[in-house]
Structure formats: structure tokens, C-alpha cells
Amino acid sequence: MLELDQTGIHVAESLTGLPPRQLLEQKLHEAVALSGARLERRAAGALPRQKDAS
């Protein structure tokens, strides 16, 4: 699995053969979910903070 970010490419694991399709699909879904969560956190941090109404 590879991860790209601003500092370069990080290799999380290296495979010499293909694992079963089900495992590949699971890892892909996990990577997409983690990336989506990271983008949401980044977007939430970029939003201006709202003032308290009290």
C-alpha cells in the first residue's frame, strides 16, 4: 500500500504476489474511508470558528 502526502511517498507494506480479491477490496475500502475522514478533518480545521450565541 502506498500513501502520498506533501513529504513524499510512504510504503506501508510490500507484496510479492497478489492477495485474494476480497482482501484487496477490503484494503481499498479502508484506504478510501481513512482518506475521506482525513479530508473532513482538514476541511473542518480550515473553516472559520463560529462565535458562541450566548
PDB file of N, CA and C in Angstrom:
ATOM      1  N   MET A   1       0.853  -1.172   0.000  1.00  0.00           N
ATOM      2  CA  MET A   1       0.000   0.000   0.000  1.00  0.00           C
ATOM      3  C   MET A   1       0.898   1.234   0.000  1.00  0.00           C
ATOM      4  N   LEU A   2       0.565   2.193  -0.794  1.00  0.00           N
ATOM      5  CA  LEU A   2       1.316   3.440  -0.852  1.00  0.00           C
ATOM      6  C   LEU A   2       0.471   4.567  -0.311  1.00  0.00           C
ATOM      7  N   GLU A   3       1.112   5.538   0.286  1.00  0.00           N
ATOM      8  CA  GLU A   3       0.422   6.719   0.780  1.00  0.00           C
ATOM      9  C   GLU A   3       1.196   7.932   0.296  1.00  0.00           C
ATOM     10  N   LEU A   4       0.500   8.813  -0.394  1.00  0.00           N
ATOM     11  CA  LEU A   4       1.129  10.039  -0.878  1.00  0.00           C
ATOM     12  C   LEU A   4       0.762  11.180   0.054  1.00  0.00           C
ATOM     13  N   ASP A   5       1.713  12.013   0.372  1.00  0.00           N
ATOM     14  CA  ASP A   5       1.426  13.224   1.120  1.00  0.00           C
ATOM     15  C   ASP A   5       2.420  14.295   0.694  1.00  0.00           C
ATOM     16  N   GLN A   6       2.445  15.395   1.384  1.00  0.00           N
ATOM     17  CA  GLN A   6       3.287  16.515   0.996  1.00  0.00           C
ATOM     18  C   GLN A   6       4.778  16.206   1.132  1.00  0.00           C
ATOM     19  N   THR A   7       5.143  15.247   1.961  1.00  0.00           N
ATOM     20  CA  THR A   7       6.555  14.953   2.171  1.00  0.00           C
ATOM     21  C   THR A   7       7.062  13.827   1.288  1.00  0.00           C
ATOM     22  N   GLY A   8       6.192  13.211   0.506  1.00  0.00           N
ATOM     23  CA  GLY A   8       6.638  12.161  -0.391  1.00  0.00           C
ATOM     24  C   GLY A   8       5.754  10.933  -0.323  1.00  0.00           C
ATOM     25  N   ILE A   9       6.324   9.802  -0.701  1.00  0.00           N
ATOM     26  CA  ILE A   9       5.595   8.543  -0.750  1.00  0.00           C
ATOM     27  C   ILE A   9       6.040   7.674   0.421  1.00  0.00           C
ATOM     28  N   HIS A  10       5.066   7.090   1.110  1.00  0.00           N
ATOM     29  CA  HIS A  10       5.352   6.188   2.217  1.00  0.00           C
ATOM     30  C   HIS A  10       4.850   4.794   1.846  1.00  0.00           C
ATOM     31  N   VAL A  11       5.674   3.796   2.025  1.00  0.00           N
ATOM     32  CA  VAL A  11       5.282   2.420   1.741  1.00  0.00           C
ATOM     33  C   VAL A  11       4.904   1.759   3.052  1.00  0.00           C
ATOM     34  N   ALA A  12       3.640   1.361   3.157  1.00  0.00           N
ATOM     35  CA  ALA A  12       3.157   0.731   4.375  1.00  0.00           C
ATOM     36  C   ALA A  12       3.444  -0.765   4.371  1.00  0.00           C
ATOM     37  N   GLU A  13       3.348  -1.378   3.214  1.00  0.00           N
ATOM     38  CA  GLU A  13       3.650  -2.794   3.103  1.00  0.00           C
ATOM     39  C   GLU A  13       3.993  -3.110   1.652  1.00  0.00           C
ATOM     40  N   SER A  14       4.755  -4.139   1.485  1.00  0.00           N
ATOM     41  CA  SER A  14       5.195  -4.545   0.149  1.00  0.00           C
ATOM     42  C   SER A  14       4.759  -5.979  -0.094  1.00  0.00           C
ATOM     43  N   LEU A  15       4.192  -6.246  -1.272  1.00  0.00           N
ATOM     44  CA  LEU A  15       3.711  -7.585  -1.601  1.00  0.00           C
ATOM     45  C   LEU A  15       4.472  -8.115  -2.808  1.00  0.00           C
ATOM     46  N   THR A  16       4.814  -9.408  -2.772  1.00  0.00           N
ATOM     47  CA  THR A  16       5.478 -10.014  -3.918  1.00  0.00           C
ATOM     48  C   THR A  16       4.477 -10.721  -4.824  1.00  0.00           C
ATOM     49  N   GLY A  17       3.269 -10.923  -4.339  1.00  0.00           N
ATOM     50  CA  GLY A  17       2.197 -11.543  -5.123  1.00  0.00           C
ATOM     51  C   GLY A  17       0.882 -10.880  -4.748  1.00  0.00           C
ATOM     52  N   LEU A  18      -0.131 -11.133  -5.534  1.00  0.00           N
ATOM     53  CA  LEU A  18      -1.429 -10.536  -5.241  1.00  0.00           C
ATOM     54  C   LEU A  18      -2.175 -11.344  -4.179  1.00  0.00           C
ATOM     55  N   PRO A  19      -2.716 -10.667  -3.168  1.00  0.00           N
ATOM     56  CA  PRO A  19      -3.558 -11.356  -2.189  1.00  0.00           C
ATOM     57  C   PRO A  19      -4.933 -11.627  -2.810  1.00  0.00           C
ATOM     58  N   PRO A  20      -5.782 -12.352  -2.117  1.00  0.00           N
ATOM     59  CA  PRO A  20      -7.126 -12.616  -2.639  1.00  0.00           C
ATOM     60  C   PRO A  20      -7.883 -11.309  -2.923  1.00  0.00           C
ATOM     61  N   ARG A  21      -8.744 -11.358  -3.912  1.00  0.00           N
ATOM     62  CA  ARG A  21      -9.505 -10.178  -4.331  1.00  0.00           C
ATOM     63  C   ARG A  21     -10.274  -9.554  -3.162  1.00  0.00           C
ATOM     64  N   GLN A  22     -10.872 -10.371  -2.324  1.00  0.00           N
ATOM     65  CA  GLN A  22     -11.654  -9.864  -1.195  1.00  0.00           C
ATOM     66  C   GLN A  22     -10.776  -9.019  -0.260  1.00  0.00           C
ATOM     67  N   LEU A  23      -9.553  -9.453  -0.014  1.00  0.00           N
ATOM     68  CA  LEU A  23      -8.640  -8.701   0.837  1.00  0.00           C
ATOM     69  C   LEU A  23      -8.259  -7.374   0.181  1.00  0.00           C
ATOM     70  N   LEU A  24      -8.009  -7.400  -1.130  1.00  0.00           N
ATOM     71  CA  LEU A  24      -7.693  -6.162  -1.848  1.00  0.00           C
ATOM     72  C   LEU A  24      -8.852  -5.171  -1.770  1.00  0.00           C
ATOM     73  N   GLU A  25     -10.072  -5.667  -1.966  1.00  0.00           N
ATOM     74  CA  GLU A  25     -11.252  -4.800  -1.879  1.00  0.00           C
ATOM     75  C   GLU A  25     -11.388  -4.209  -0.481  1.00  0.00           C
ATOM     76  N   GLN A  26     -11.172  -5.025   0.551  1.00  0.00           N
ATOM     77  CA  GLN A  26     -11.269  -4.559   1.931  1.00  0.00           C
ATOM     78  C   GLN A  26     -10.256  -3.449   2.188  1.00  0.00           C
ATOM     79  N   LYS A  27      -9.012  -3.664   1.757  1.00  0.00           N
ATOM     80  CA  LYS A  27      -7.967  -2.667   1.974  1.00  0.00           C
ATOM     81  C   LYS A  27      -8.262  -1.382   1.205  1.00  0.00           C
ATOM     82  N   LEU A  28      -8.797  -1.504   0.014  1.00  0.00           N
ATOM     83  CA  LEU A  28      -9.155  -0.326  -0.772  1.00  0.00           C
ATOM     84  C   LEU A  28     -10.246   0.472  -0.074  1.00  0.00           C
ATOM     85  N   HIS A  29     -11.276  -0.211   0.404  1.00  0.00           N
ATOM     86  CA  HIS A  29     -12.368   0.477   1.114  1.00  0.00           C
ATOM     87  C   HIS A  29     -11.851   1.157   2.382  1.00  0.00           C
ATOM     88  N   GLU A  30     -10.961   0.492   3.102  1.00  0.00           N
ATOM     89  CA  GLU A  30     -10.384   1.091   4.308  1.00  0.00           C
ATOM     90  C   GLU A  30      -9.576   2.337   3.957  1.00  0.00           C
ATOM     91  N   ALA A  31      -8.789   2.267   2.890  1.00  0.00           N
ATOM     92  CA  ALA A  31      -7.972   3.413   2.482  1.00  0.00           C
ATOM     93  C   ALA A  31      -8.852   4.586   2.067  1.00  0.00           C
ATOM     94  N   VAL A  32      -9.933   4.309   1.361  1.00  0.00           N
ATOM     95  CA  VAL A  32     -10.851   5.373   0.939  1.00  0.00           C
ATOM     96  C   VAL A  32     -11.522   6.001   2.164  1.00  0.00           C
ATOM     97  N   ALA A  33     -11.945   5.180   3.111  1.00  0.00           N
ATOM     98  CA  ALA A  33     -12.589   5.701   4.323  1.00  0.00           C
ATOM     99  C   ALA A  33     -11.619   6.557   5.137  1.00  0.00           C
ATOM    100  N   LEU A  34     -10.381   6.099   5.294  1.00  0.00           N
ATOM    101  CA  LEU A  34      -9.389   6.876   6.040  1.00  0.00           C
ATOM    102  C   LEU A  34      -9.082   8.198   5.347  1.00  0.00           C
ATOM    103  N   SER A  35      -8.962   8.165   4.032  1.00  0.00           N
ATOM    104  CA  SER A  35      -8.685   9.394   3.279  1.00  0.00           C
ATOM    105  C   SER A  35      -9.849  10.371   3.391  1.00  0.00           C
ATOM    106  N   GLY A  36     -11.068   9.857   3.304  1.00  0.00           N
ATOM    107  CA  GLY A  36     -12.245  10.718   3.436  1.00  0.00           C
ATOM    108  C   GLY A  36     -12.312  11.364   4.813  1.00  0.00           C
ATOM    109  N   ALA A  37     -12.032  10.581   5.846  1.00  0.00           N
ATOM    110  CA  ALA A  37     -12.045  11.123   7.209  1.00  0.00           C
ATOM    111  C   ALA A  37     -10.961  12.186   7.374  1.00  0.00           C
ATOM    112  N   ARG A  38      -9.786  11.944   6.788  1.00  0.00           N
ATOM    113  CA  ARG A  38      -8.693  12.911   6.869  1.00  0.00           C
ATOM    114  C   ARG A  38      -9.065  14.215   6.161  1.00  0.00           C
ATOM    115  N   LEU A  39      -9.706  14.107   5.010  1.00  0.00           N
ATOM    116  CA  LEU A  39     -10.136  15.302   4.283  1.00  0.00           C
ATOM    117  C   LEU A  39     -11.196  16.076   5.068  1.00  0.00           C
ATOM    118  N   GLU A  40     -12.121  15.354   5.696  1.00  0.00           N
ATOM    119  CA  GLU A  40     -13.149  16.010   6.504  1.00  0.00           C
ATOM    120  C   GLU A  40     -12.533  16.754   7.679  1.00  0.00           C
ATOM    121  N   ARG A  41     -11.563  16.117   8.349  1.00  0.00           N
ATOM    122  CA  ARG A  41     -10.901  16.786   9.483  1.00  0.00           C
ATOM    123  C   ARG A  41     -10.147  18.016   9.003  1.00  0.00           C
ATOM    124  N   ARG A  42      -9.475  17.887   7.877  1.00  0.00           N
ATOM    125  CA  ARG A  42      -8.710  19.010   7.334  1.00  0.00           C
ATOM    126  C   ARG A  42      -9.652  20.155   6.954  1.00  0.00           C
ATOM    127  N   ALA A  43     -10.786  19.827   6.328  1.00  0.00           N
ATOM    128  CA  ALA A  43     -11.759  20.847   5.926  1.00  0.00           C
ATOM    129  C   ALA A  43     -12.378  21.499   7.157  1.00  0.00           C
ATOM    130  N   ALA A  44     -12.663  20.719   8.189  1.00  0.00           N
ATOM    131  CA  ALA A  44     -13.245  21.267   9.415  1.00  0.00           C
ATOM    132  C   ALA A  44     -12.265  22.204  10.100  1.00  0.00           C
ATOM    133  N   GLY A  45     -10.991  21.897  10.040  1.00  0.00           N
ATOM    134  CA  GLY A  45      -9.980  22.754  10.648  1.00  0.00           C
ATOM    135  C   GLY A  45      -9.780  24.041   9.876  1.00  0.00           C
ATOM    136  N   ALA A  46     -10.113  24.044   8.591  1.00  0.00           N
ATOM    137  CA  ALA A  46      -9.934  25.220   7.750  1.00  0.00           C
ATOM    138  C   ALA A  46     -11.123  26.170   7.837  1.00  0.00           C
ATOM    139  N   LEU A  47     -12.240  25.698   8.378  1.00  0.00           N
ATOM    140  CA  LEU A  47     -13.423  26.545   8.475  1.00  0.00           C
ATOM    141  C   LEU A  47     -13.259  27.557   9.600  1.00  0.00           C
ATOM    142  N   PRO A  48     -13.745  28.793   9.388  1.00  0.00           N
ATOM    143  CA  PRO A  48     -13.676  29.772  10.479  1.00  0.00           C
ATOM    144  C   PRO A  48     -14.569  29.324  11.638  1.00  0.00           C
ATOM    145  N   ARG A  49     -14.110  29.562  12.833  1.00  0.00           N
ATOM    146  CA  ARG A  49     -14.897  29.172  14.007  1.00  0.00           C
ATOM    147  C   ARG A  49     -16.042  30.143  14.202  1.00  0.00           C
ATOM    148  N   GLN A  50     -17.206  29.581  14.563  1.00  0.00           N
ATOM    149  CA  GLN A  50     -18.390  30.402  14.788  1.00  0.00           C
ATOM    150  C   GLN A  50     -18.371  30.912  16.218  1.00  0.00           C
ATOM    151  N   LYS A  51     -18.829  32.148  16.389  1.00  0.00           N
ATOM    152  CA  LYS A  51     -18.887  32.733  17.739  1.00  0.00           C
ATOM    153  C   LYS A  51     -20.066  32.126  18.484  1.00  0.00           C
ATOM    154  N   ASP A  52     -19.904  31.999  19.778  1.00  0.00           N
ATOM    155  CA  ASP A  52     -20.946  31.459  20.641  1.00  0.00           C
ATOM    156  C   ASP A  52     -22.115  32.438  20.708  1.00  0.00           C
ATOM    157  N   ALA A  53     -23.344  31.950  20.600  1.00  0.00           N
ATOM    158  CA  ALA A  53     -24.528  32.800  20.605  1.00  0.00           C
ATOM    159  C   ALA A  53     -24.892  33.276  22.005  1.00  0.00           C
ATOM    160  N   SER A  54     -24.250  32.756  23.048  1.00  0.00           N
ATOM    161  CA  SER A  54     -24.634  33.123  24.421  1.00  0.00           C
ATOM    162  C   SER A  54     -24.014  34.403  24.891  1.00  0.00           C
TER     163      SER A  54
END
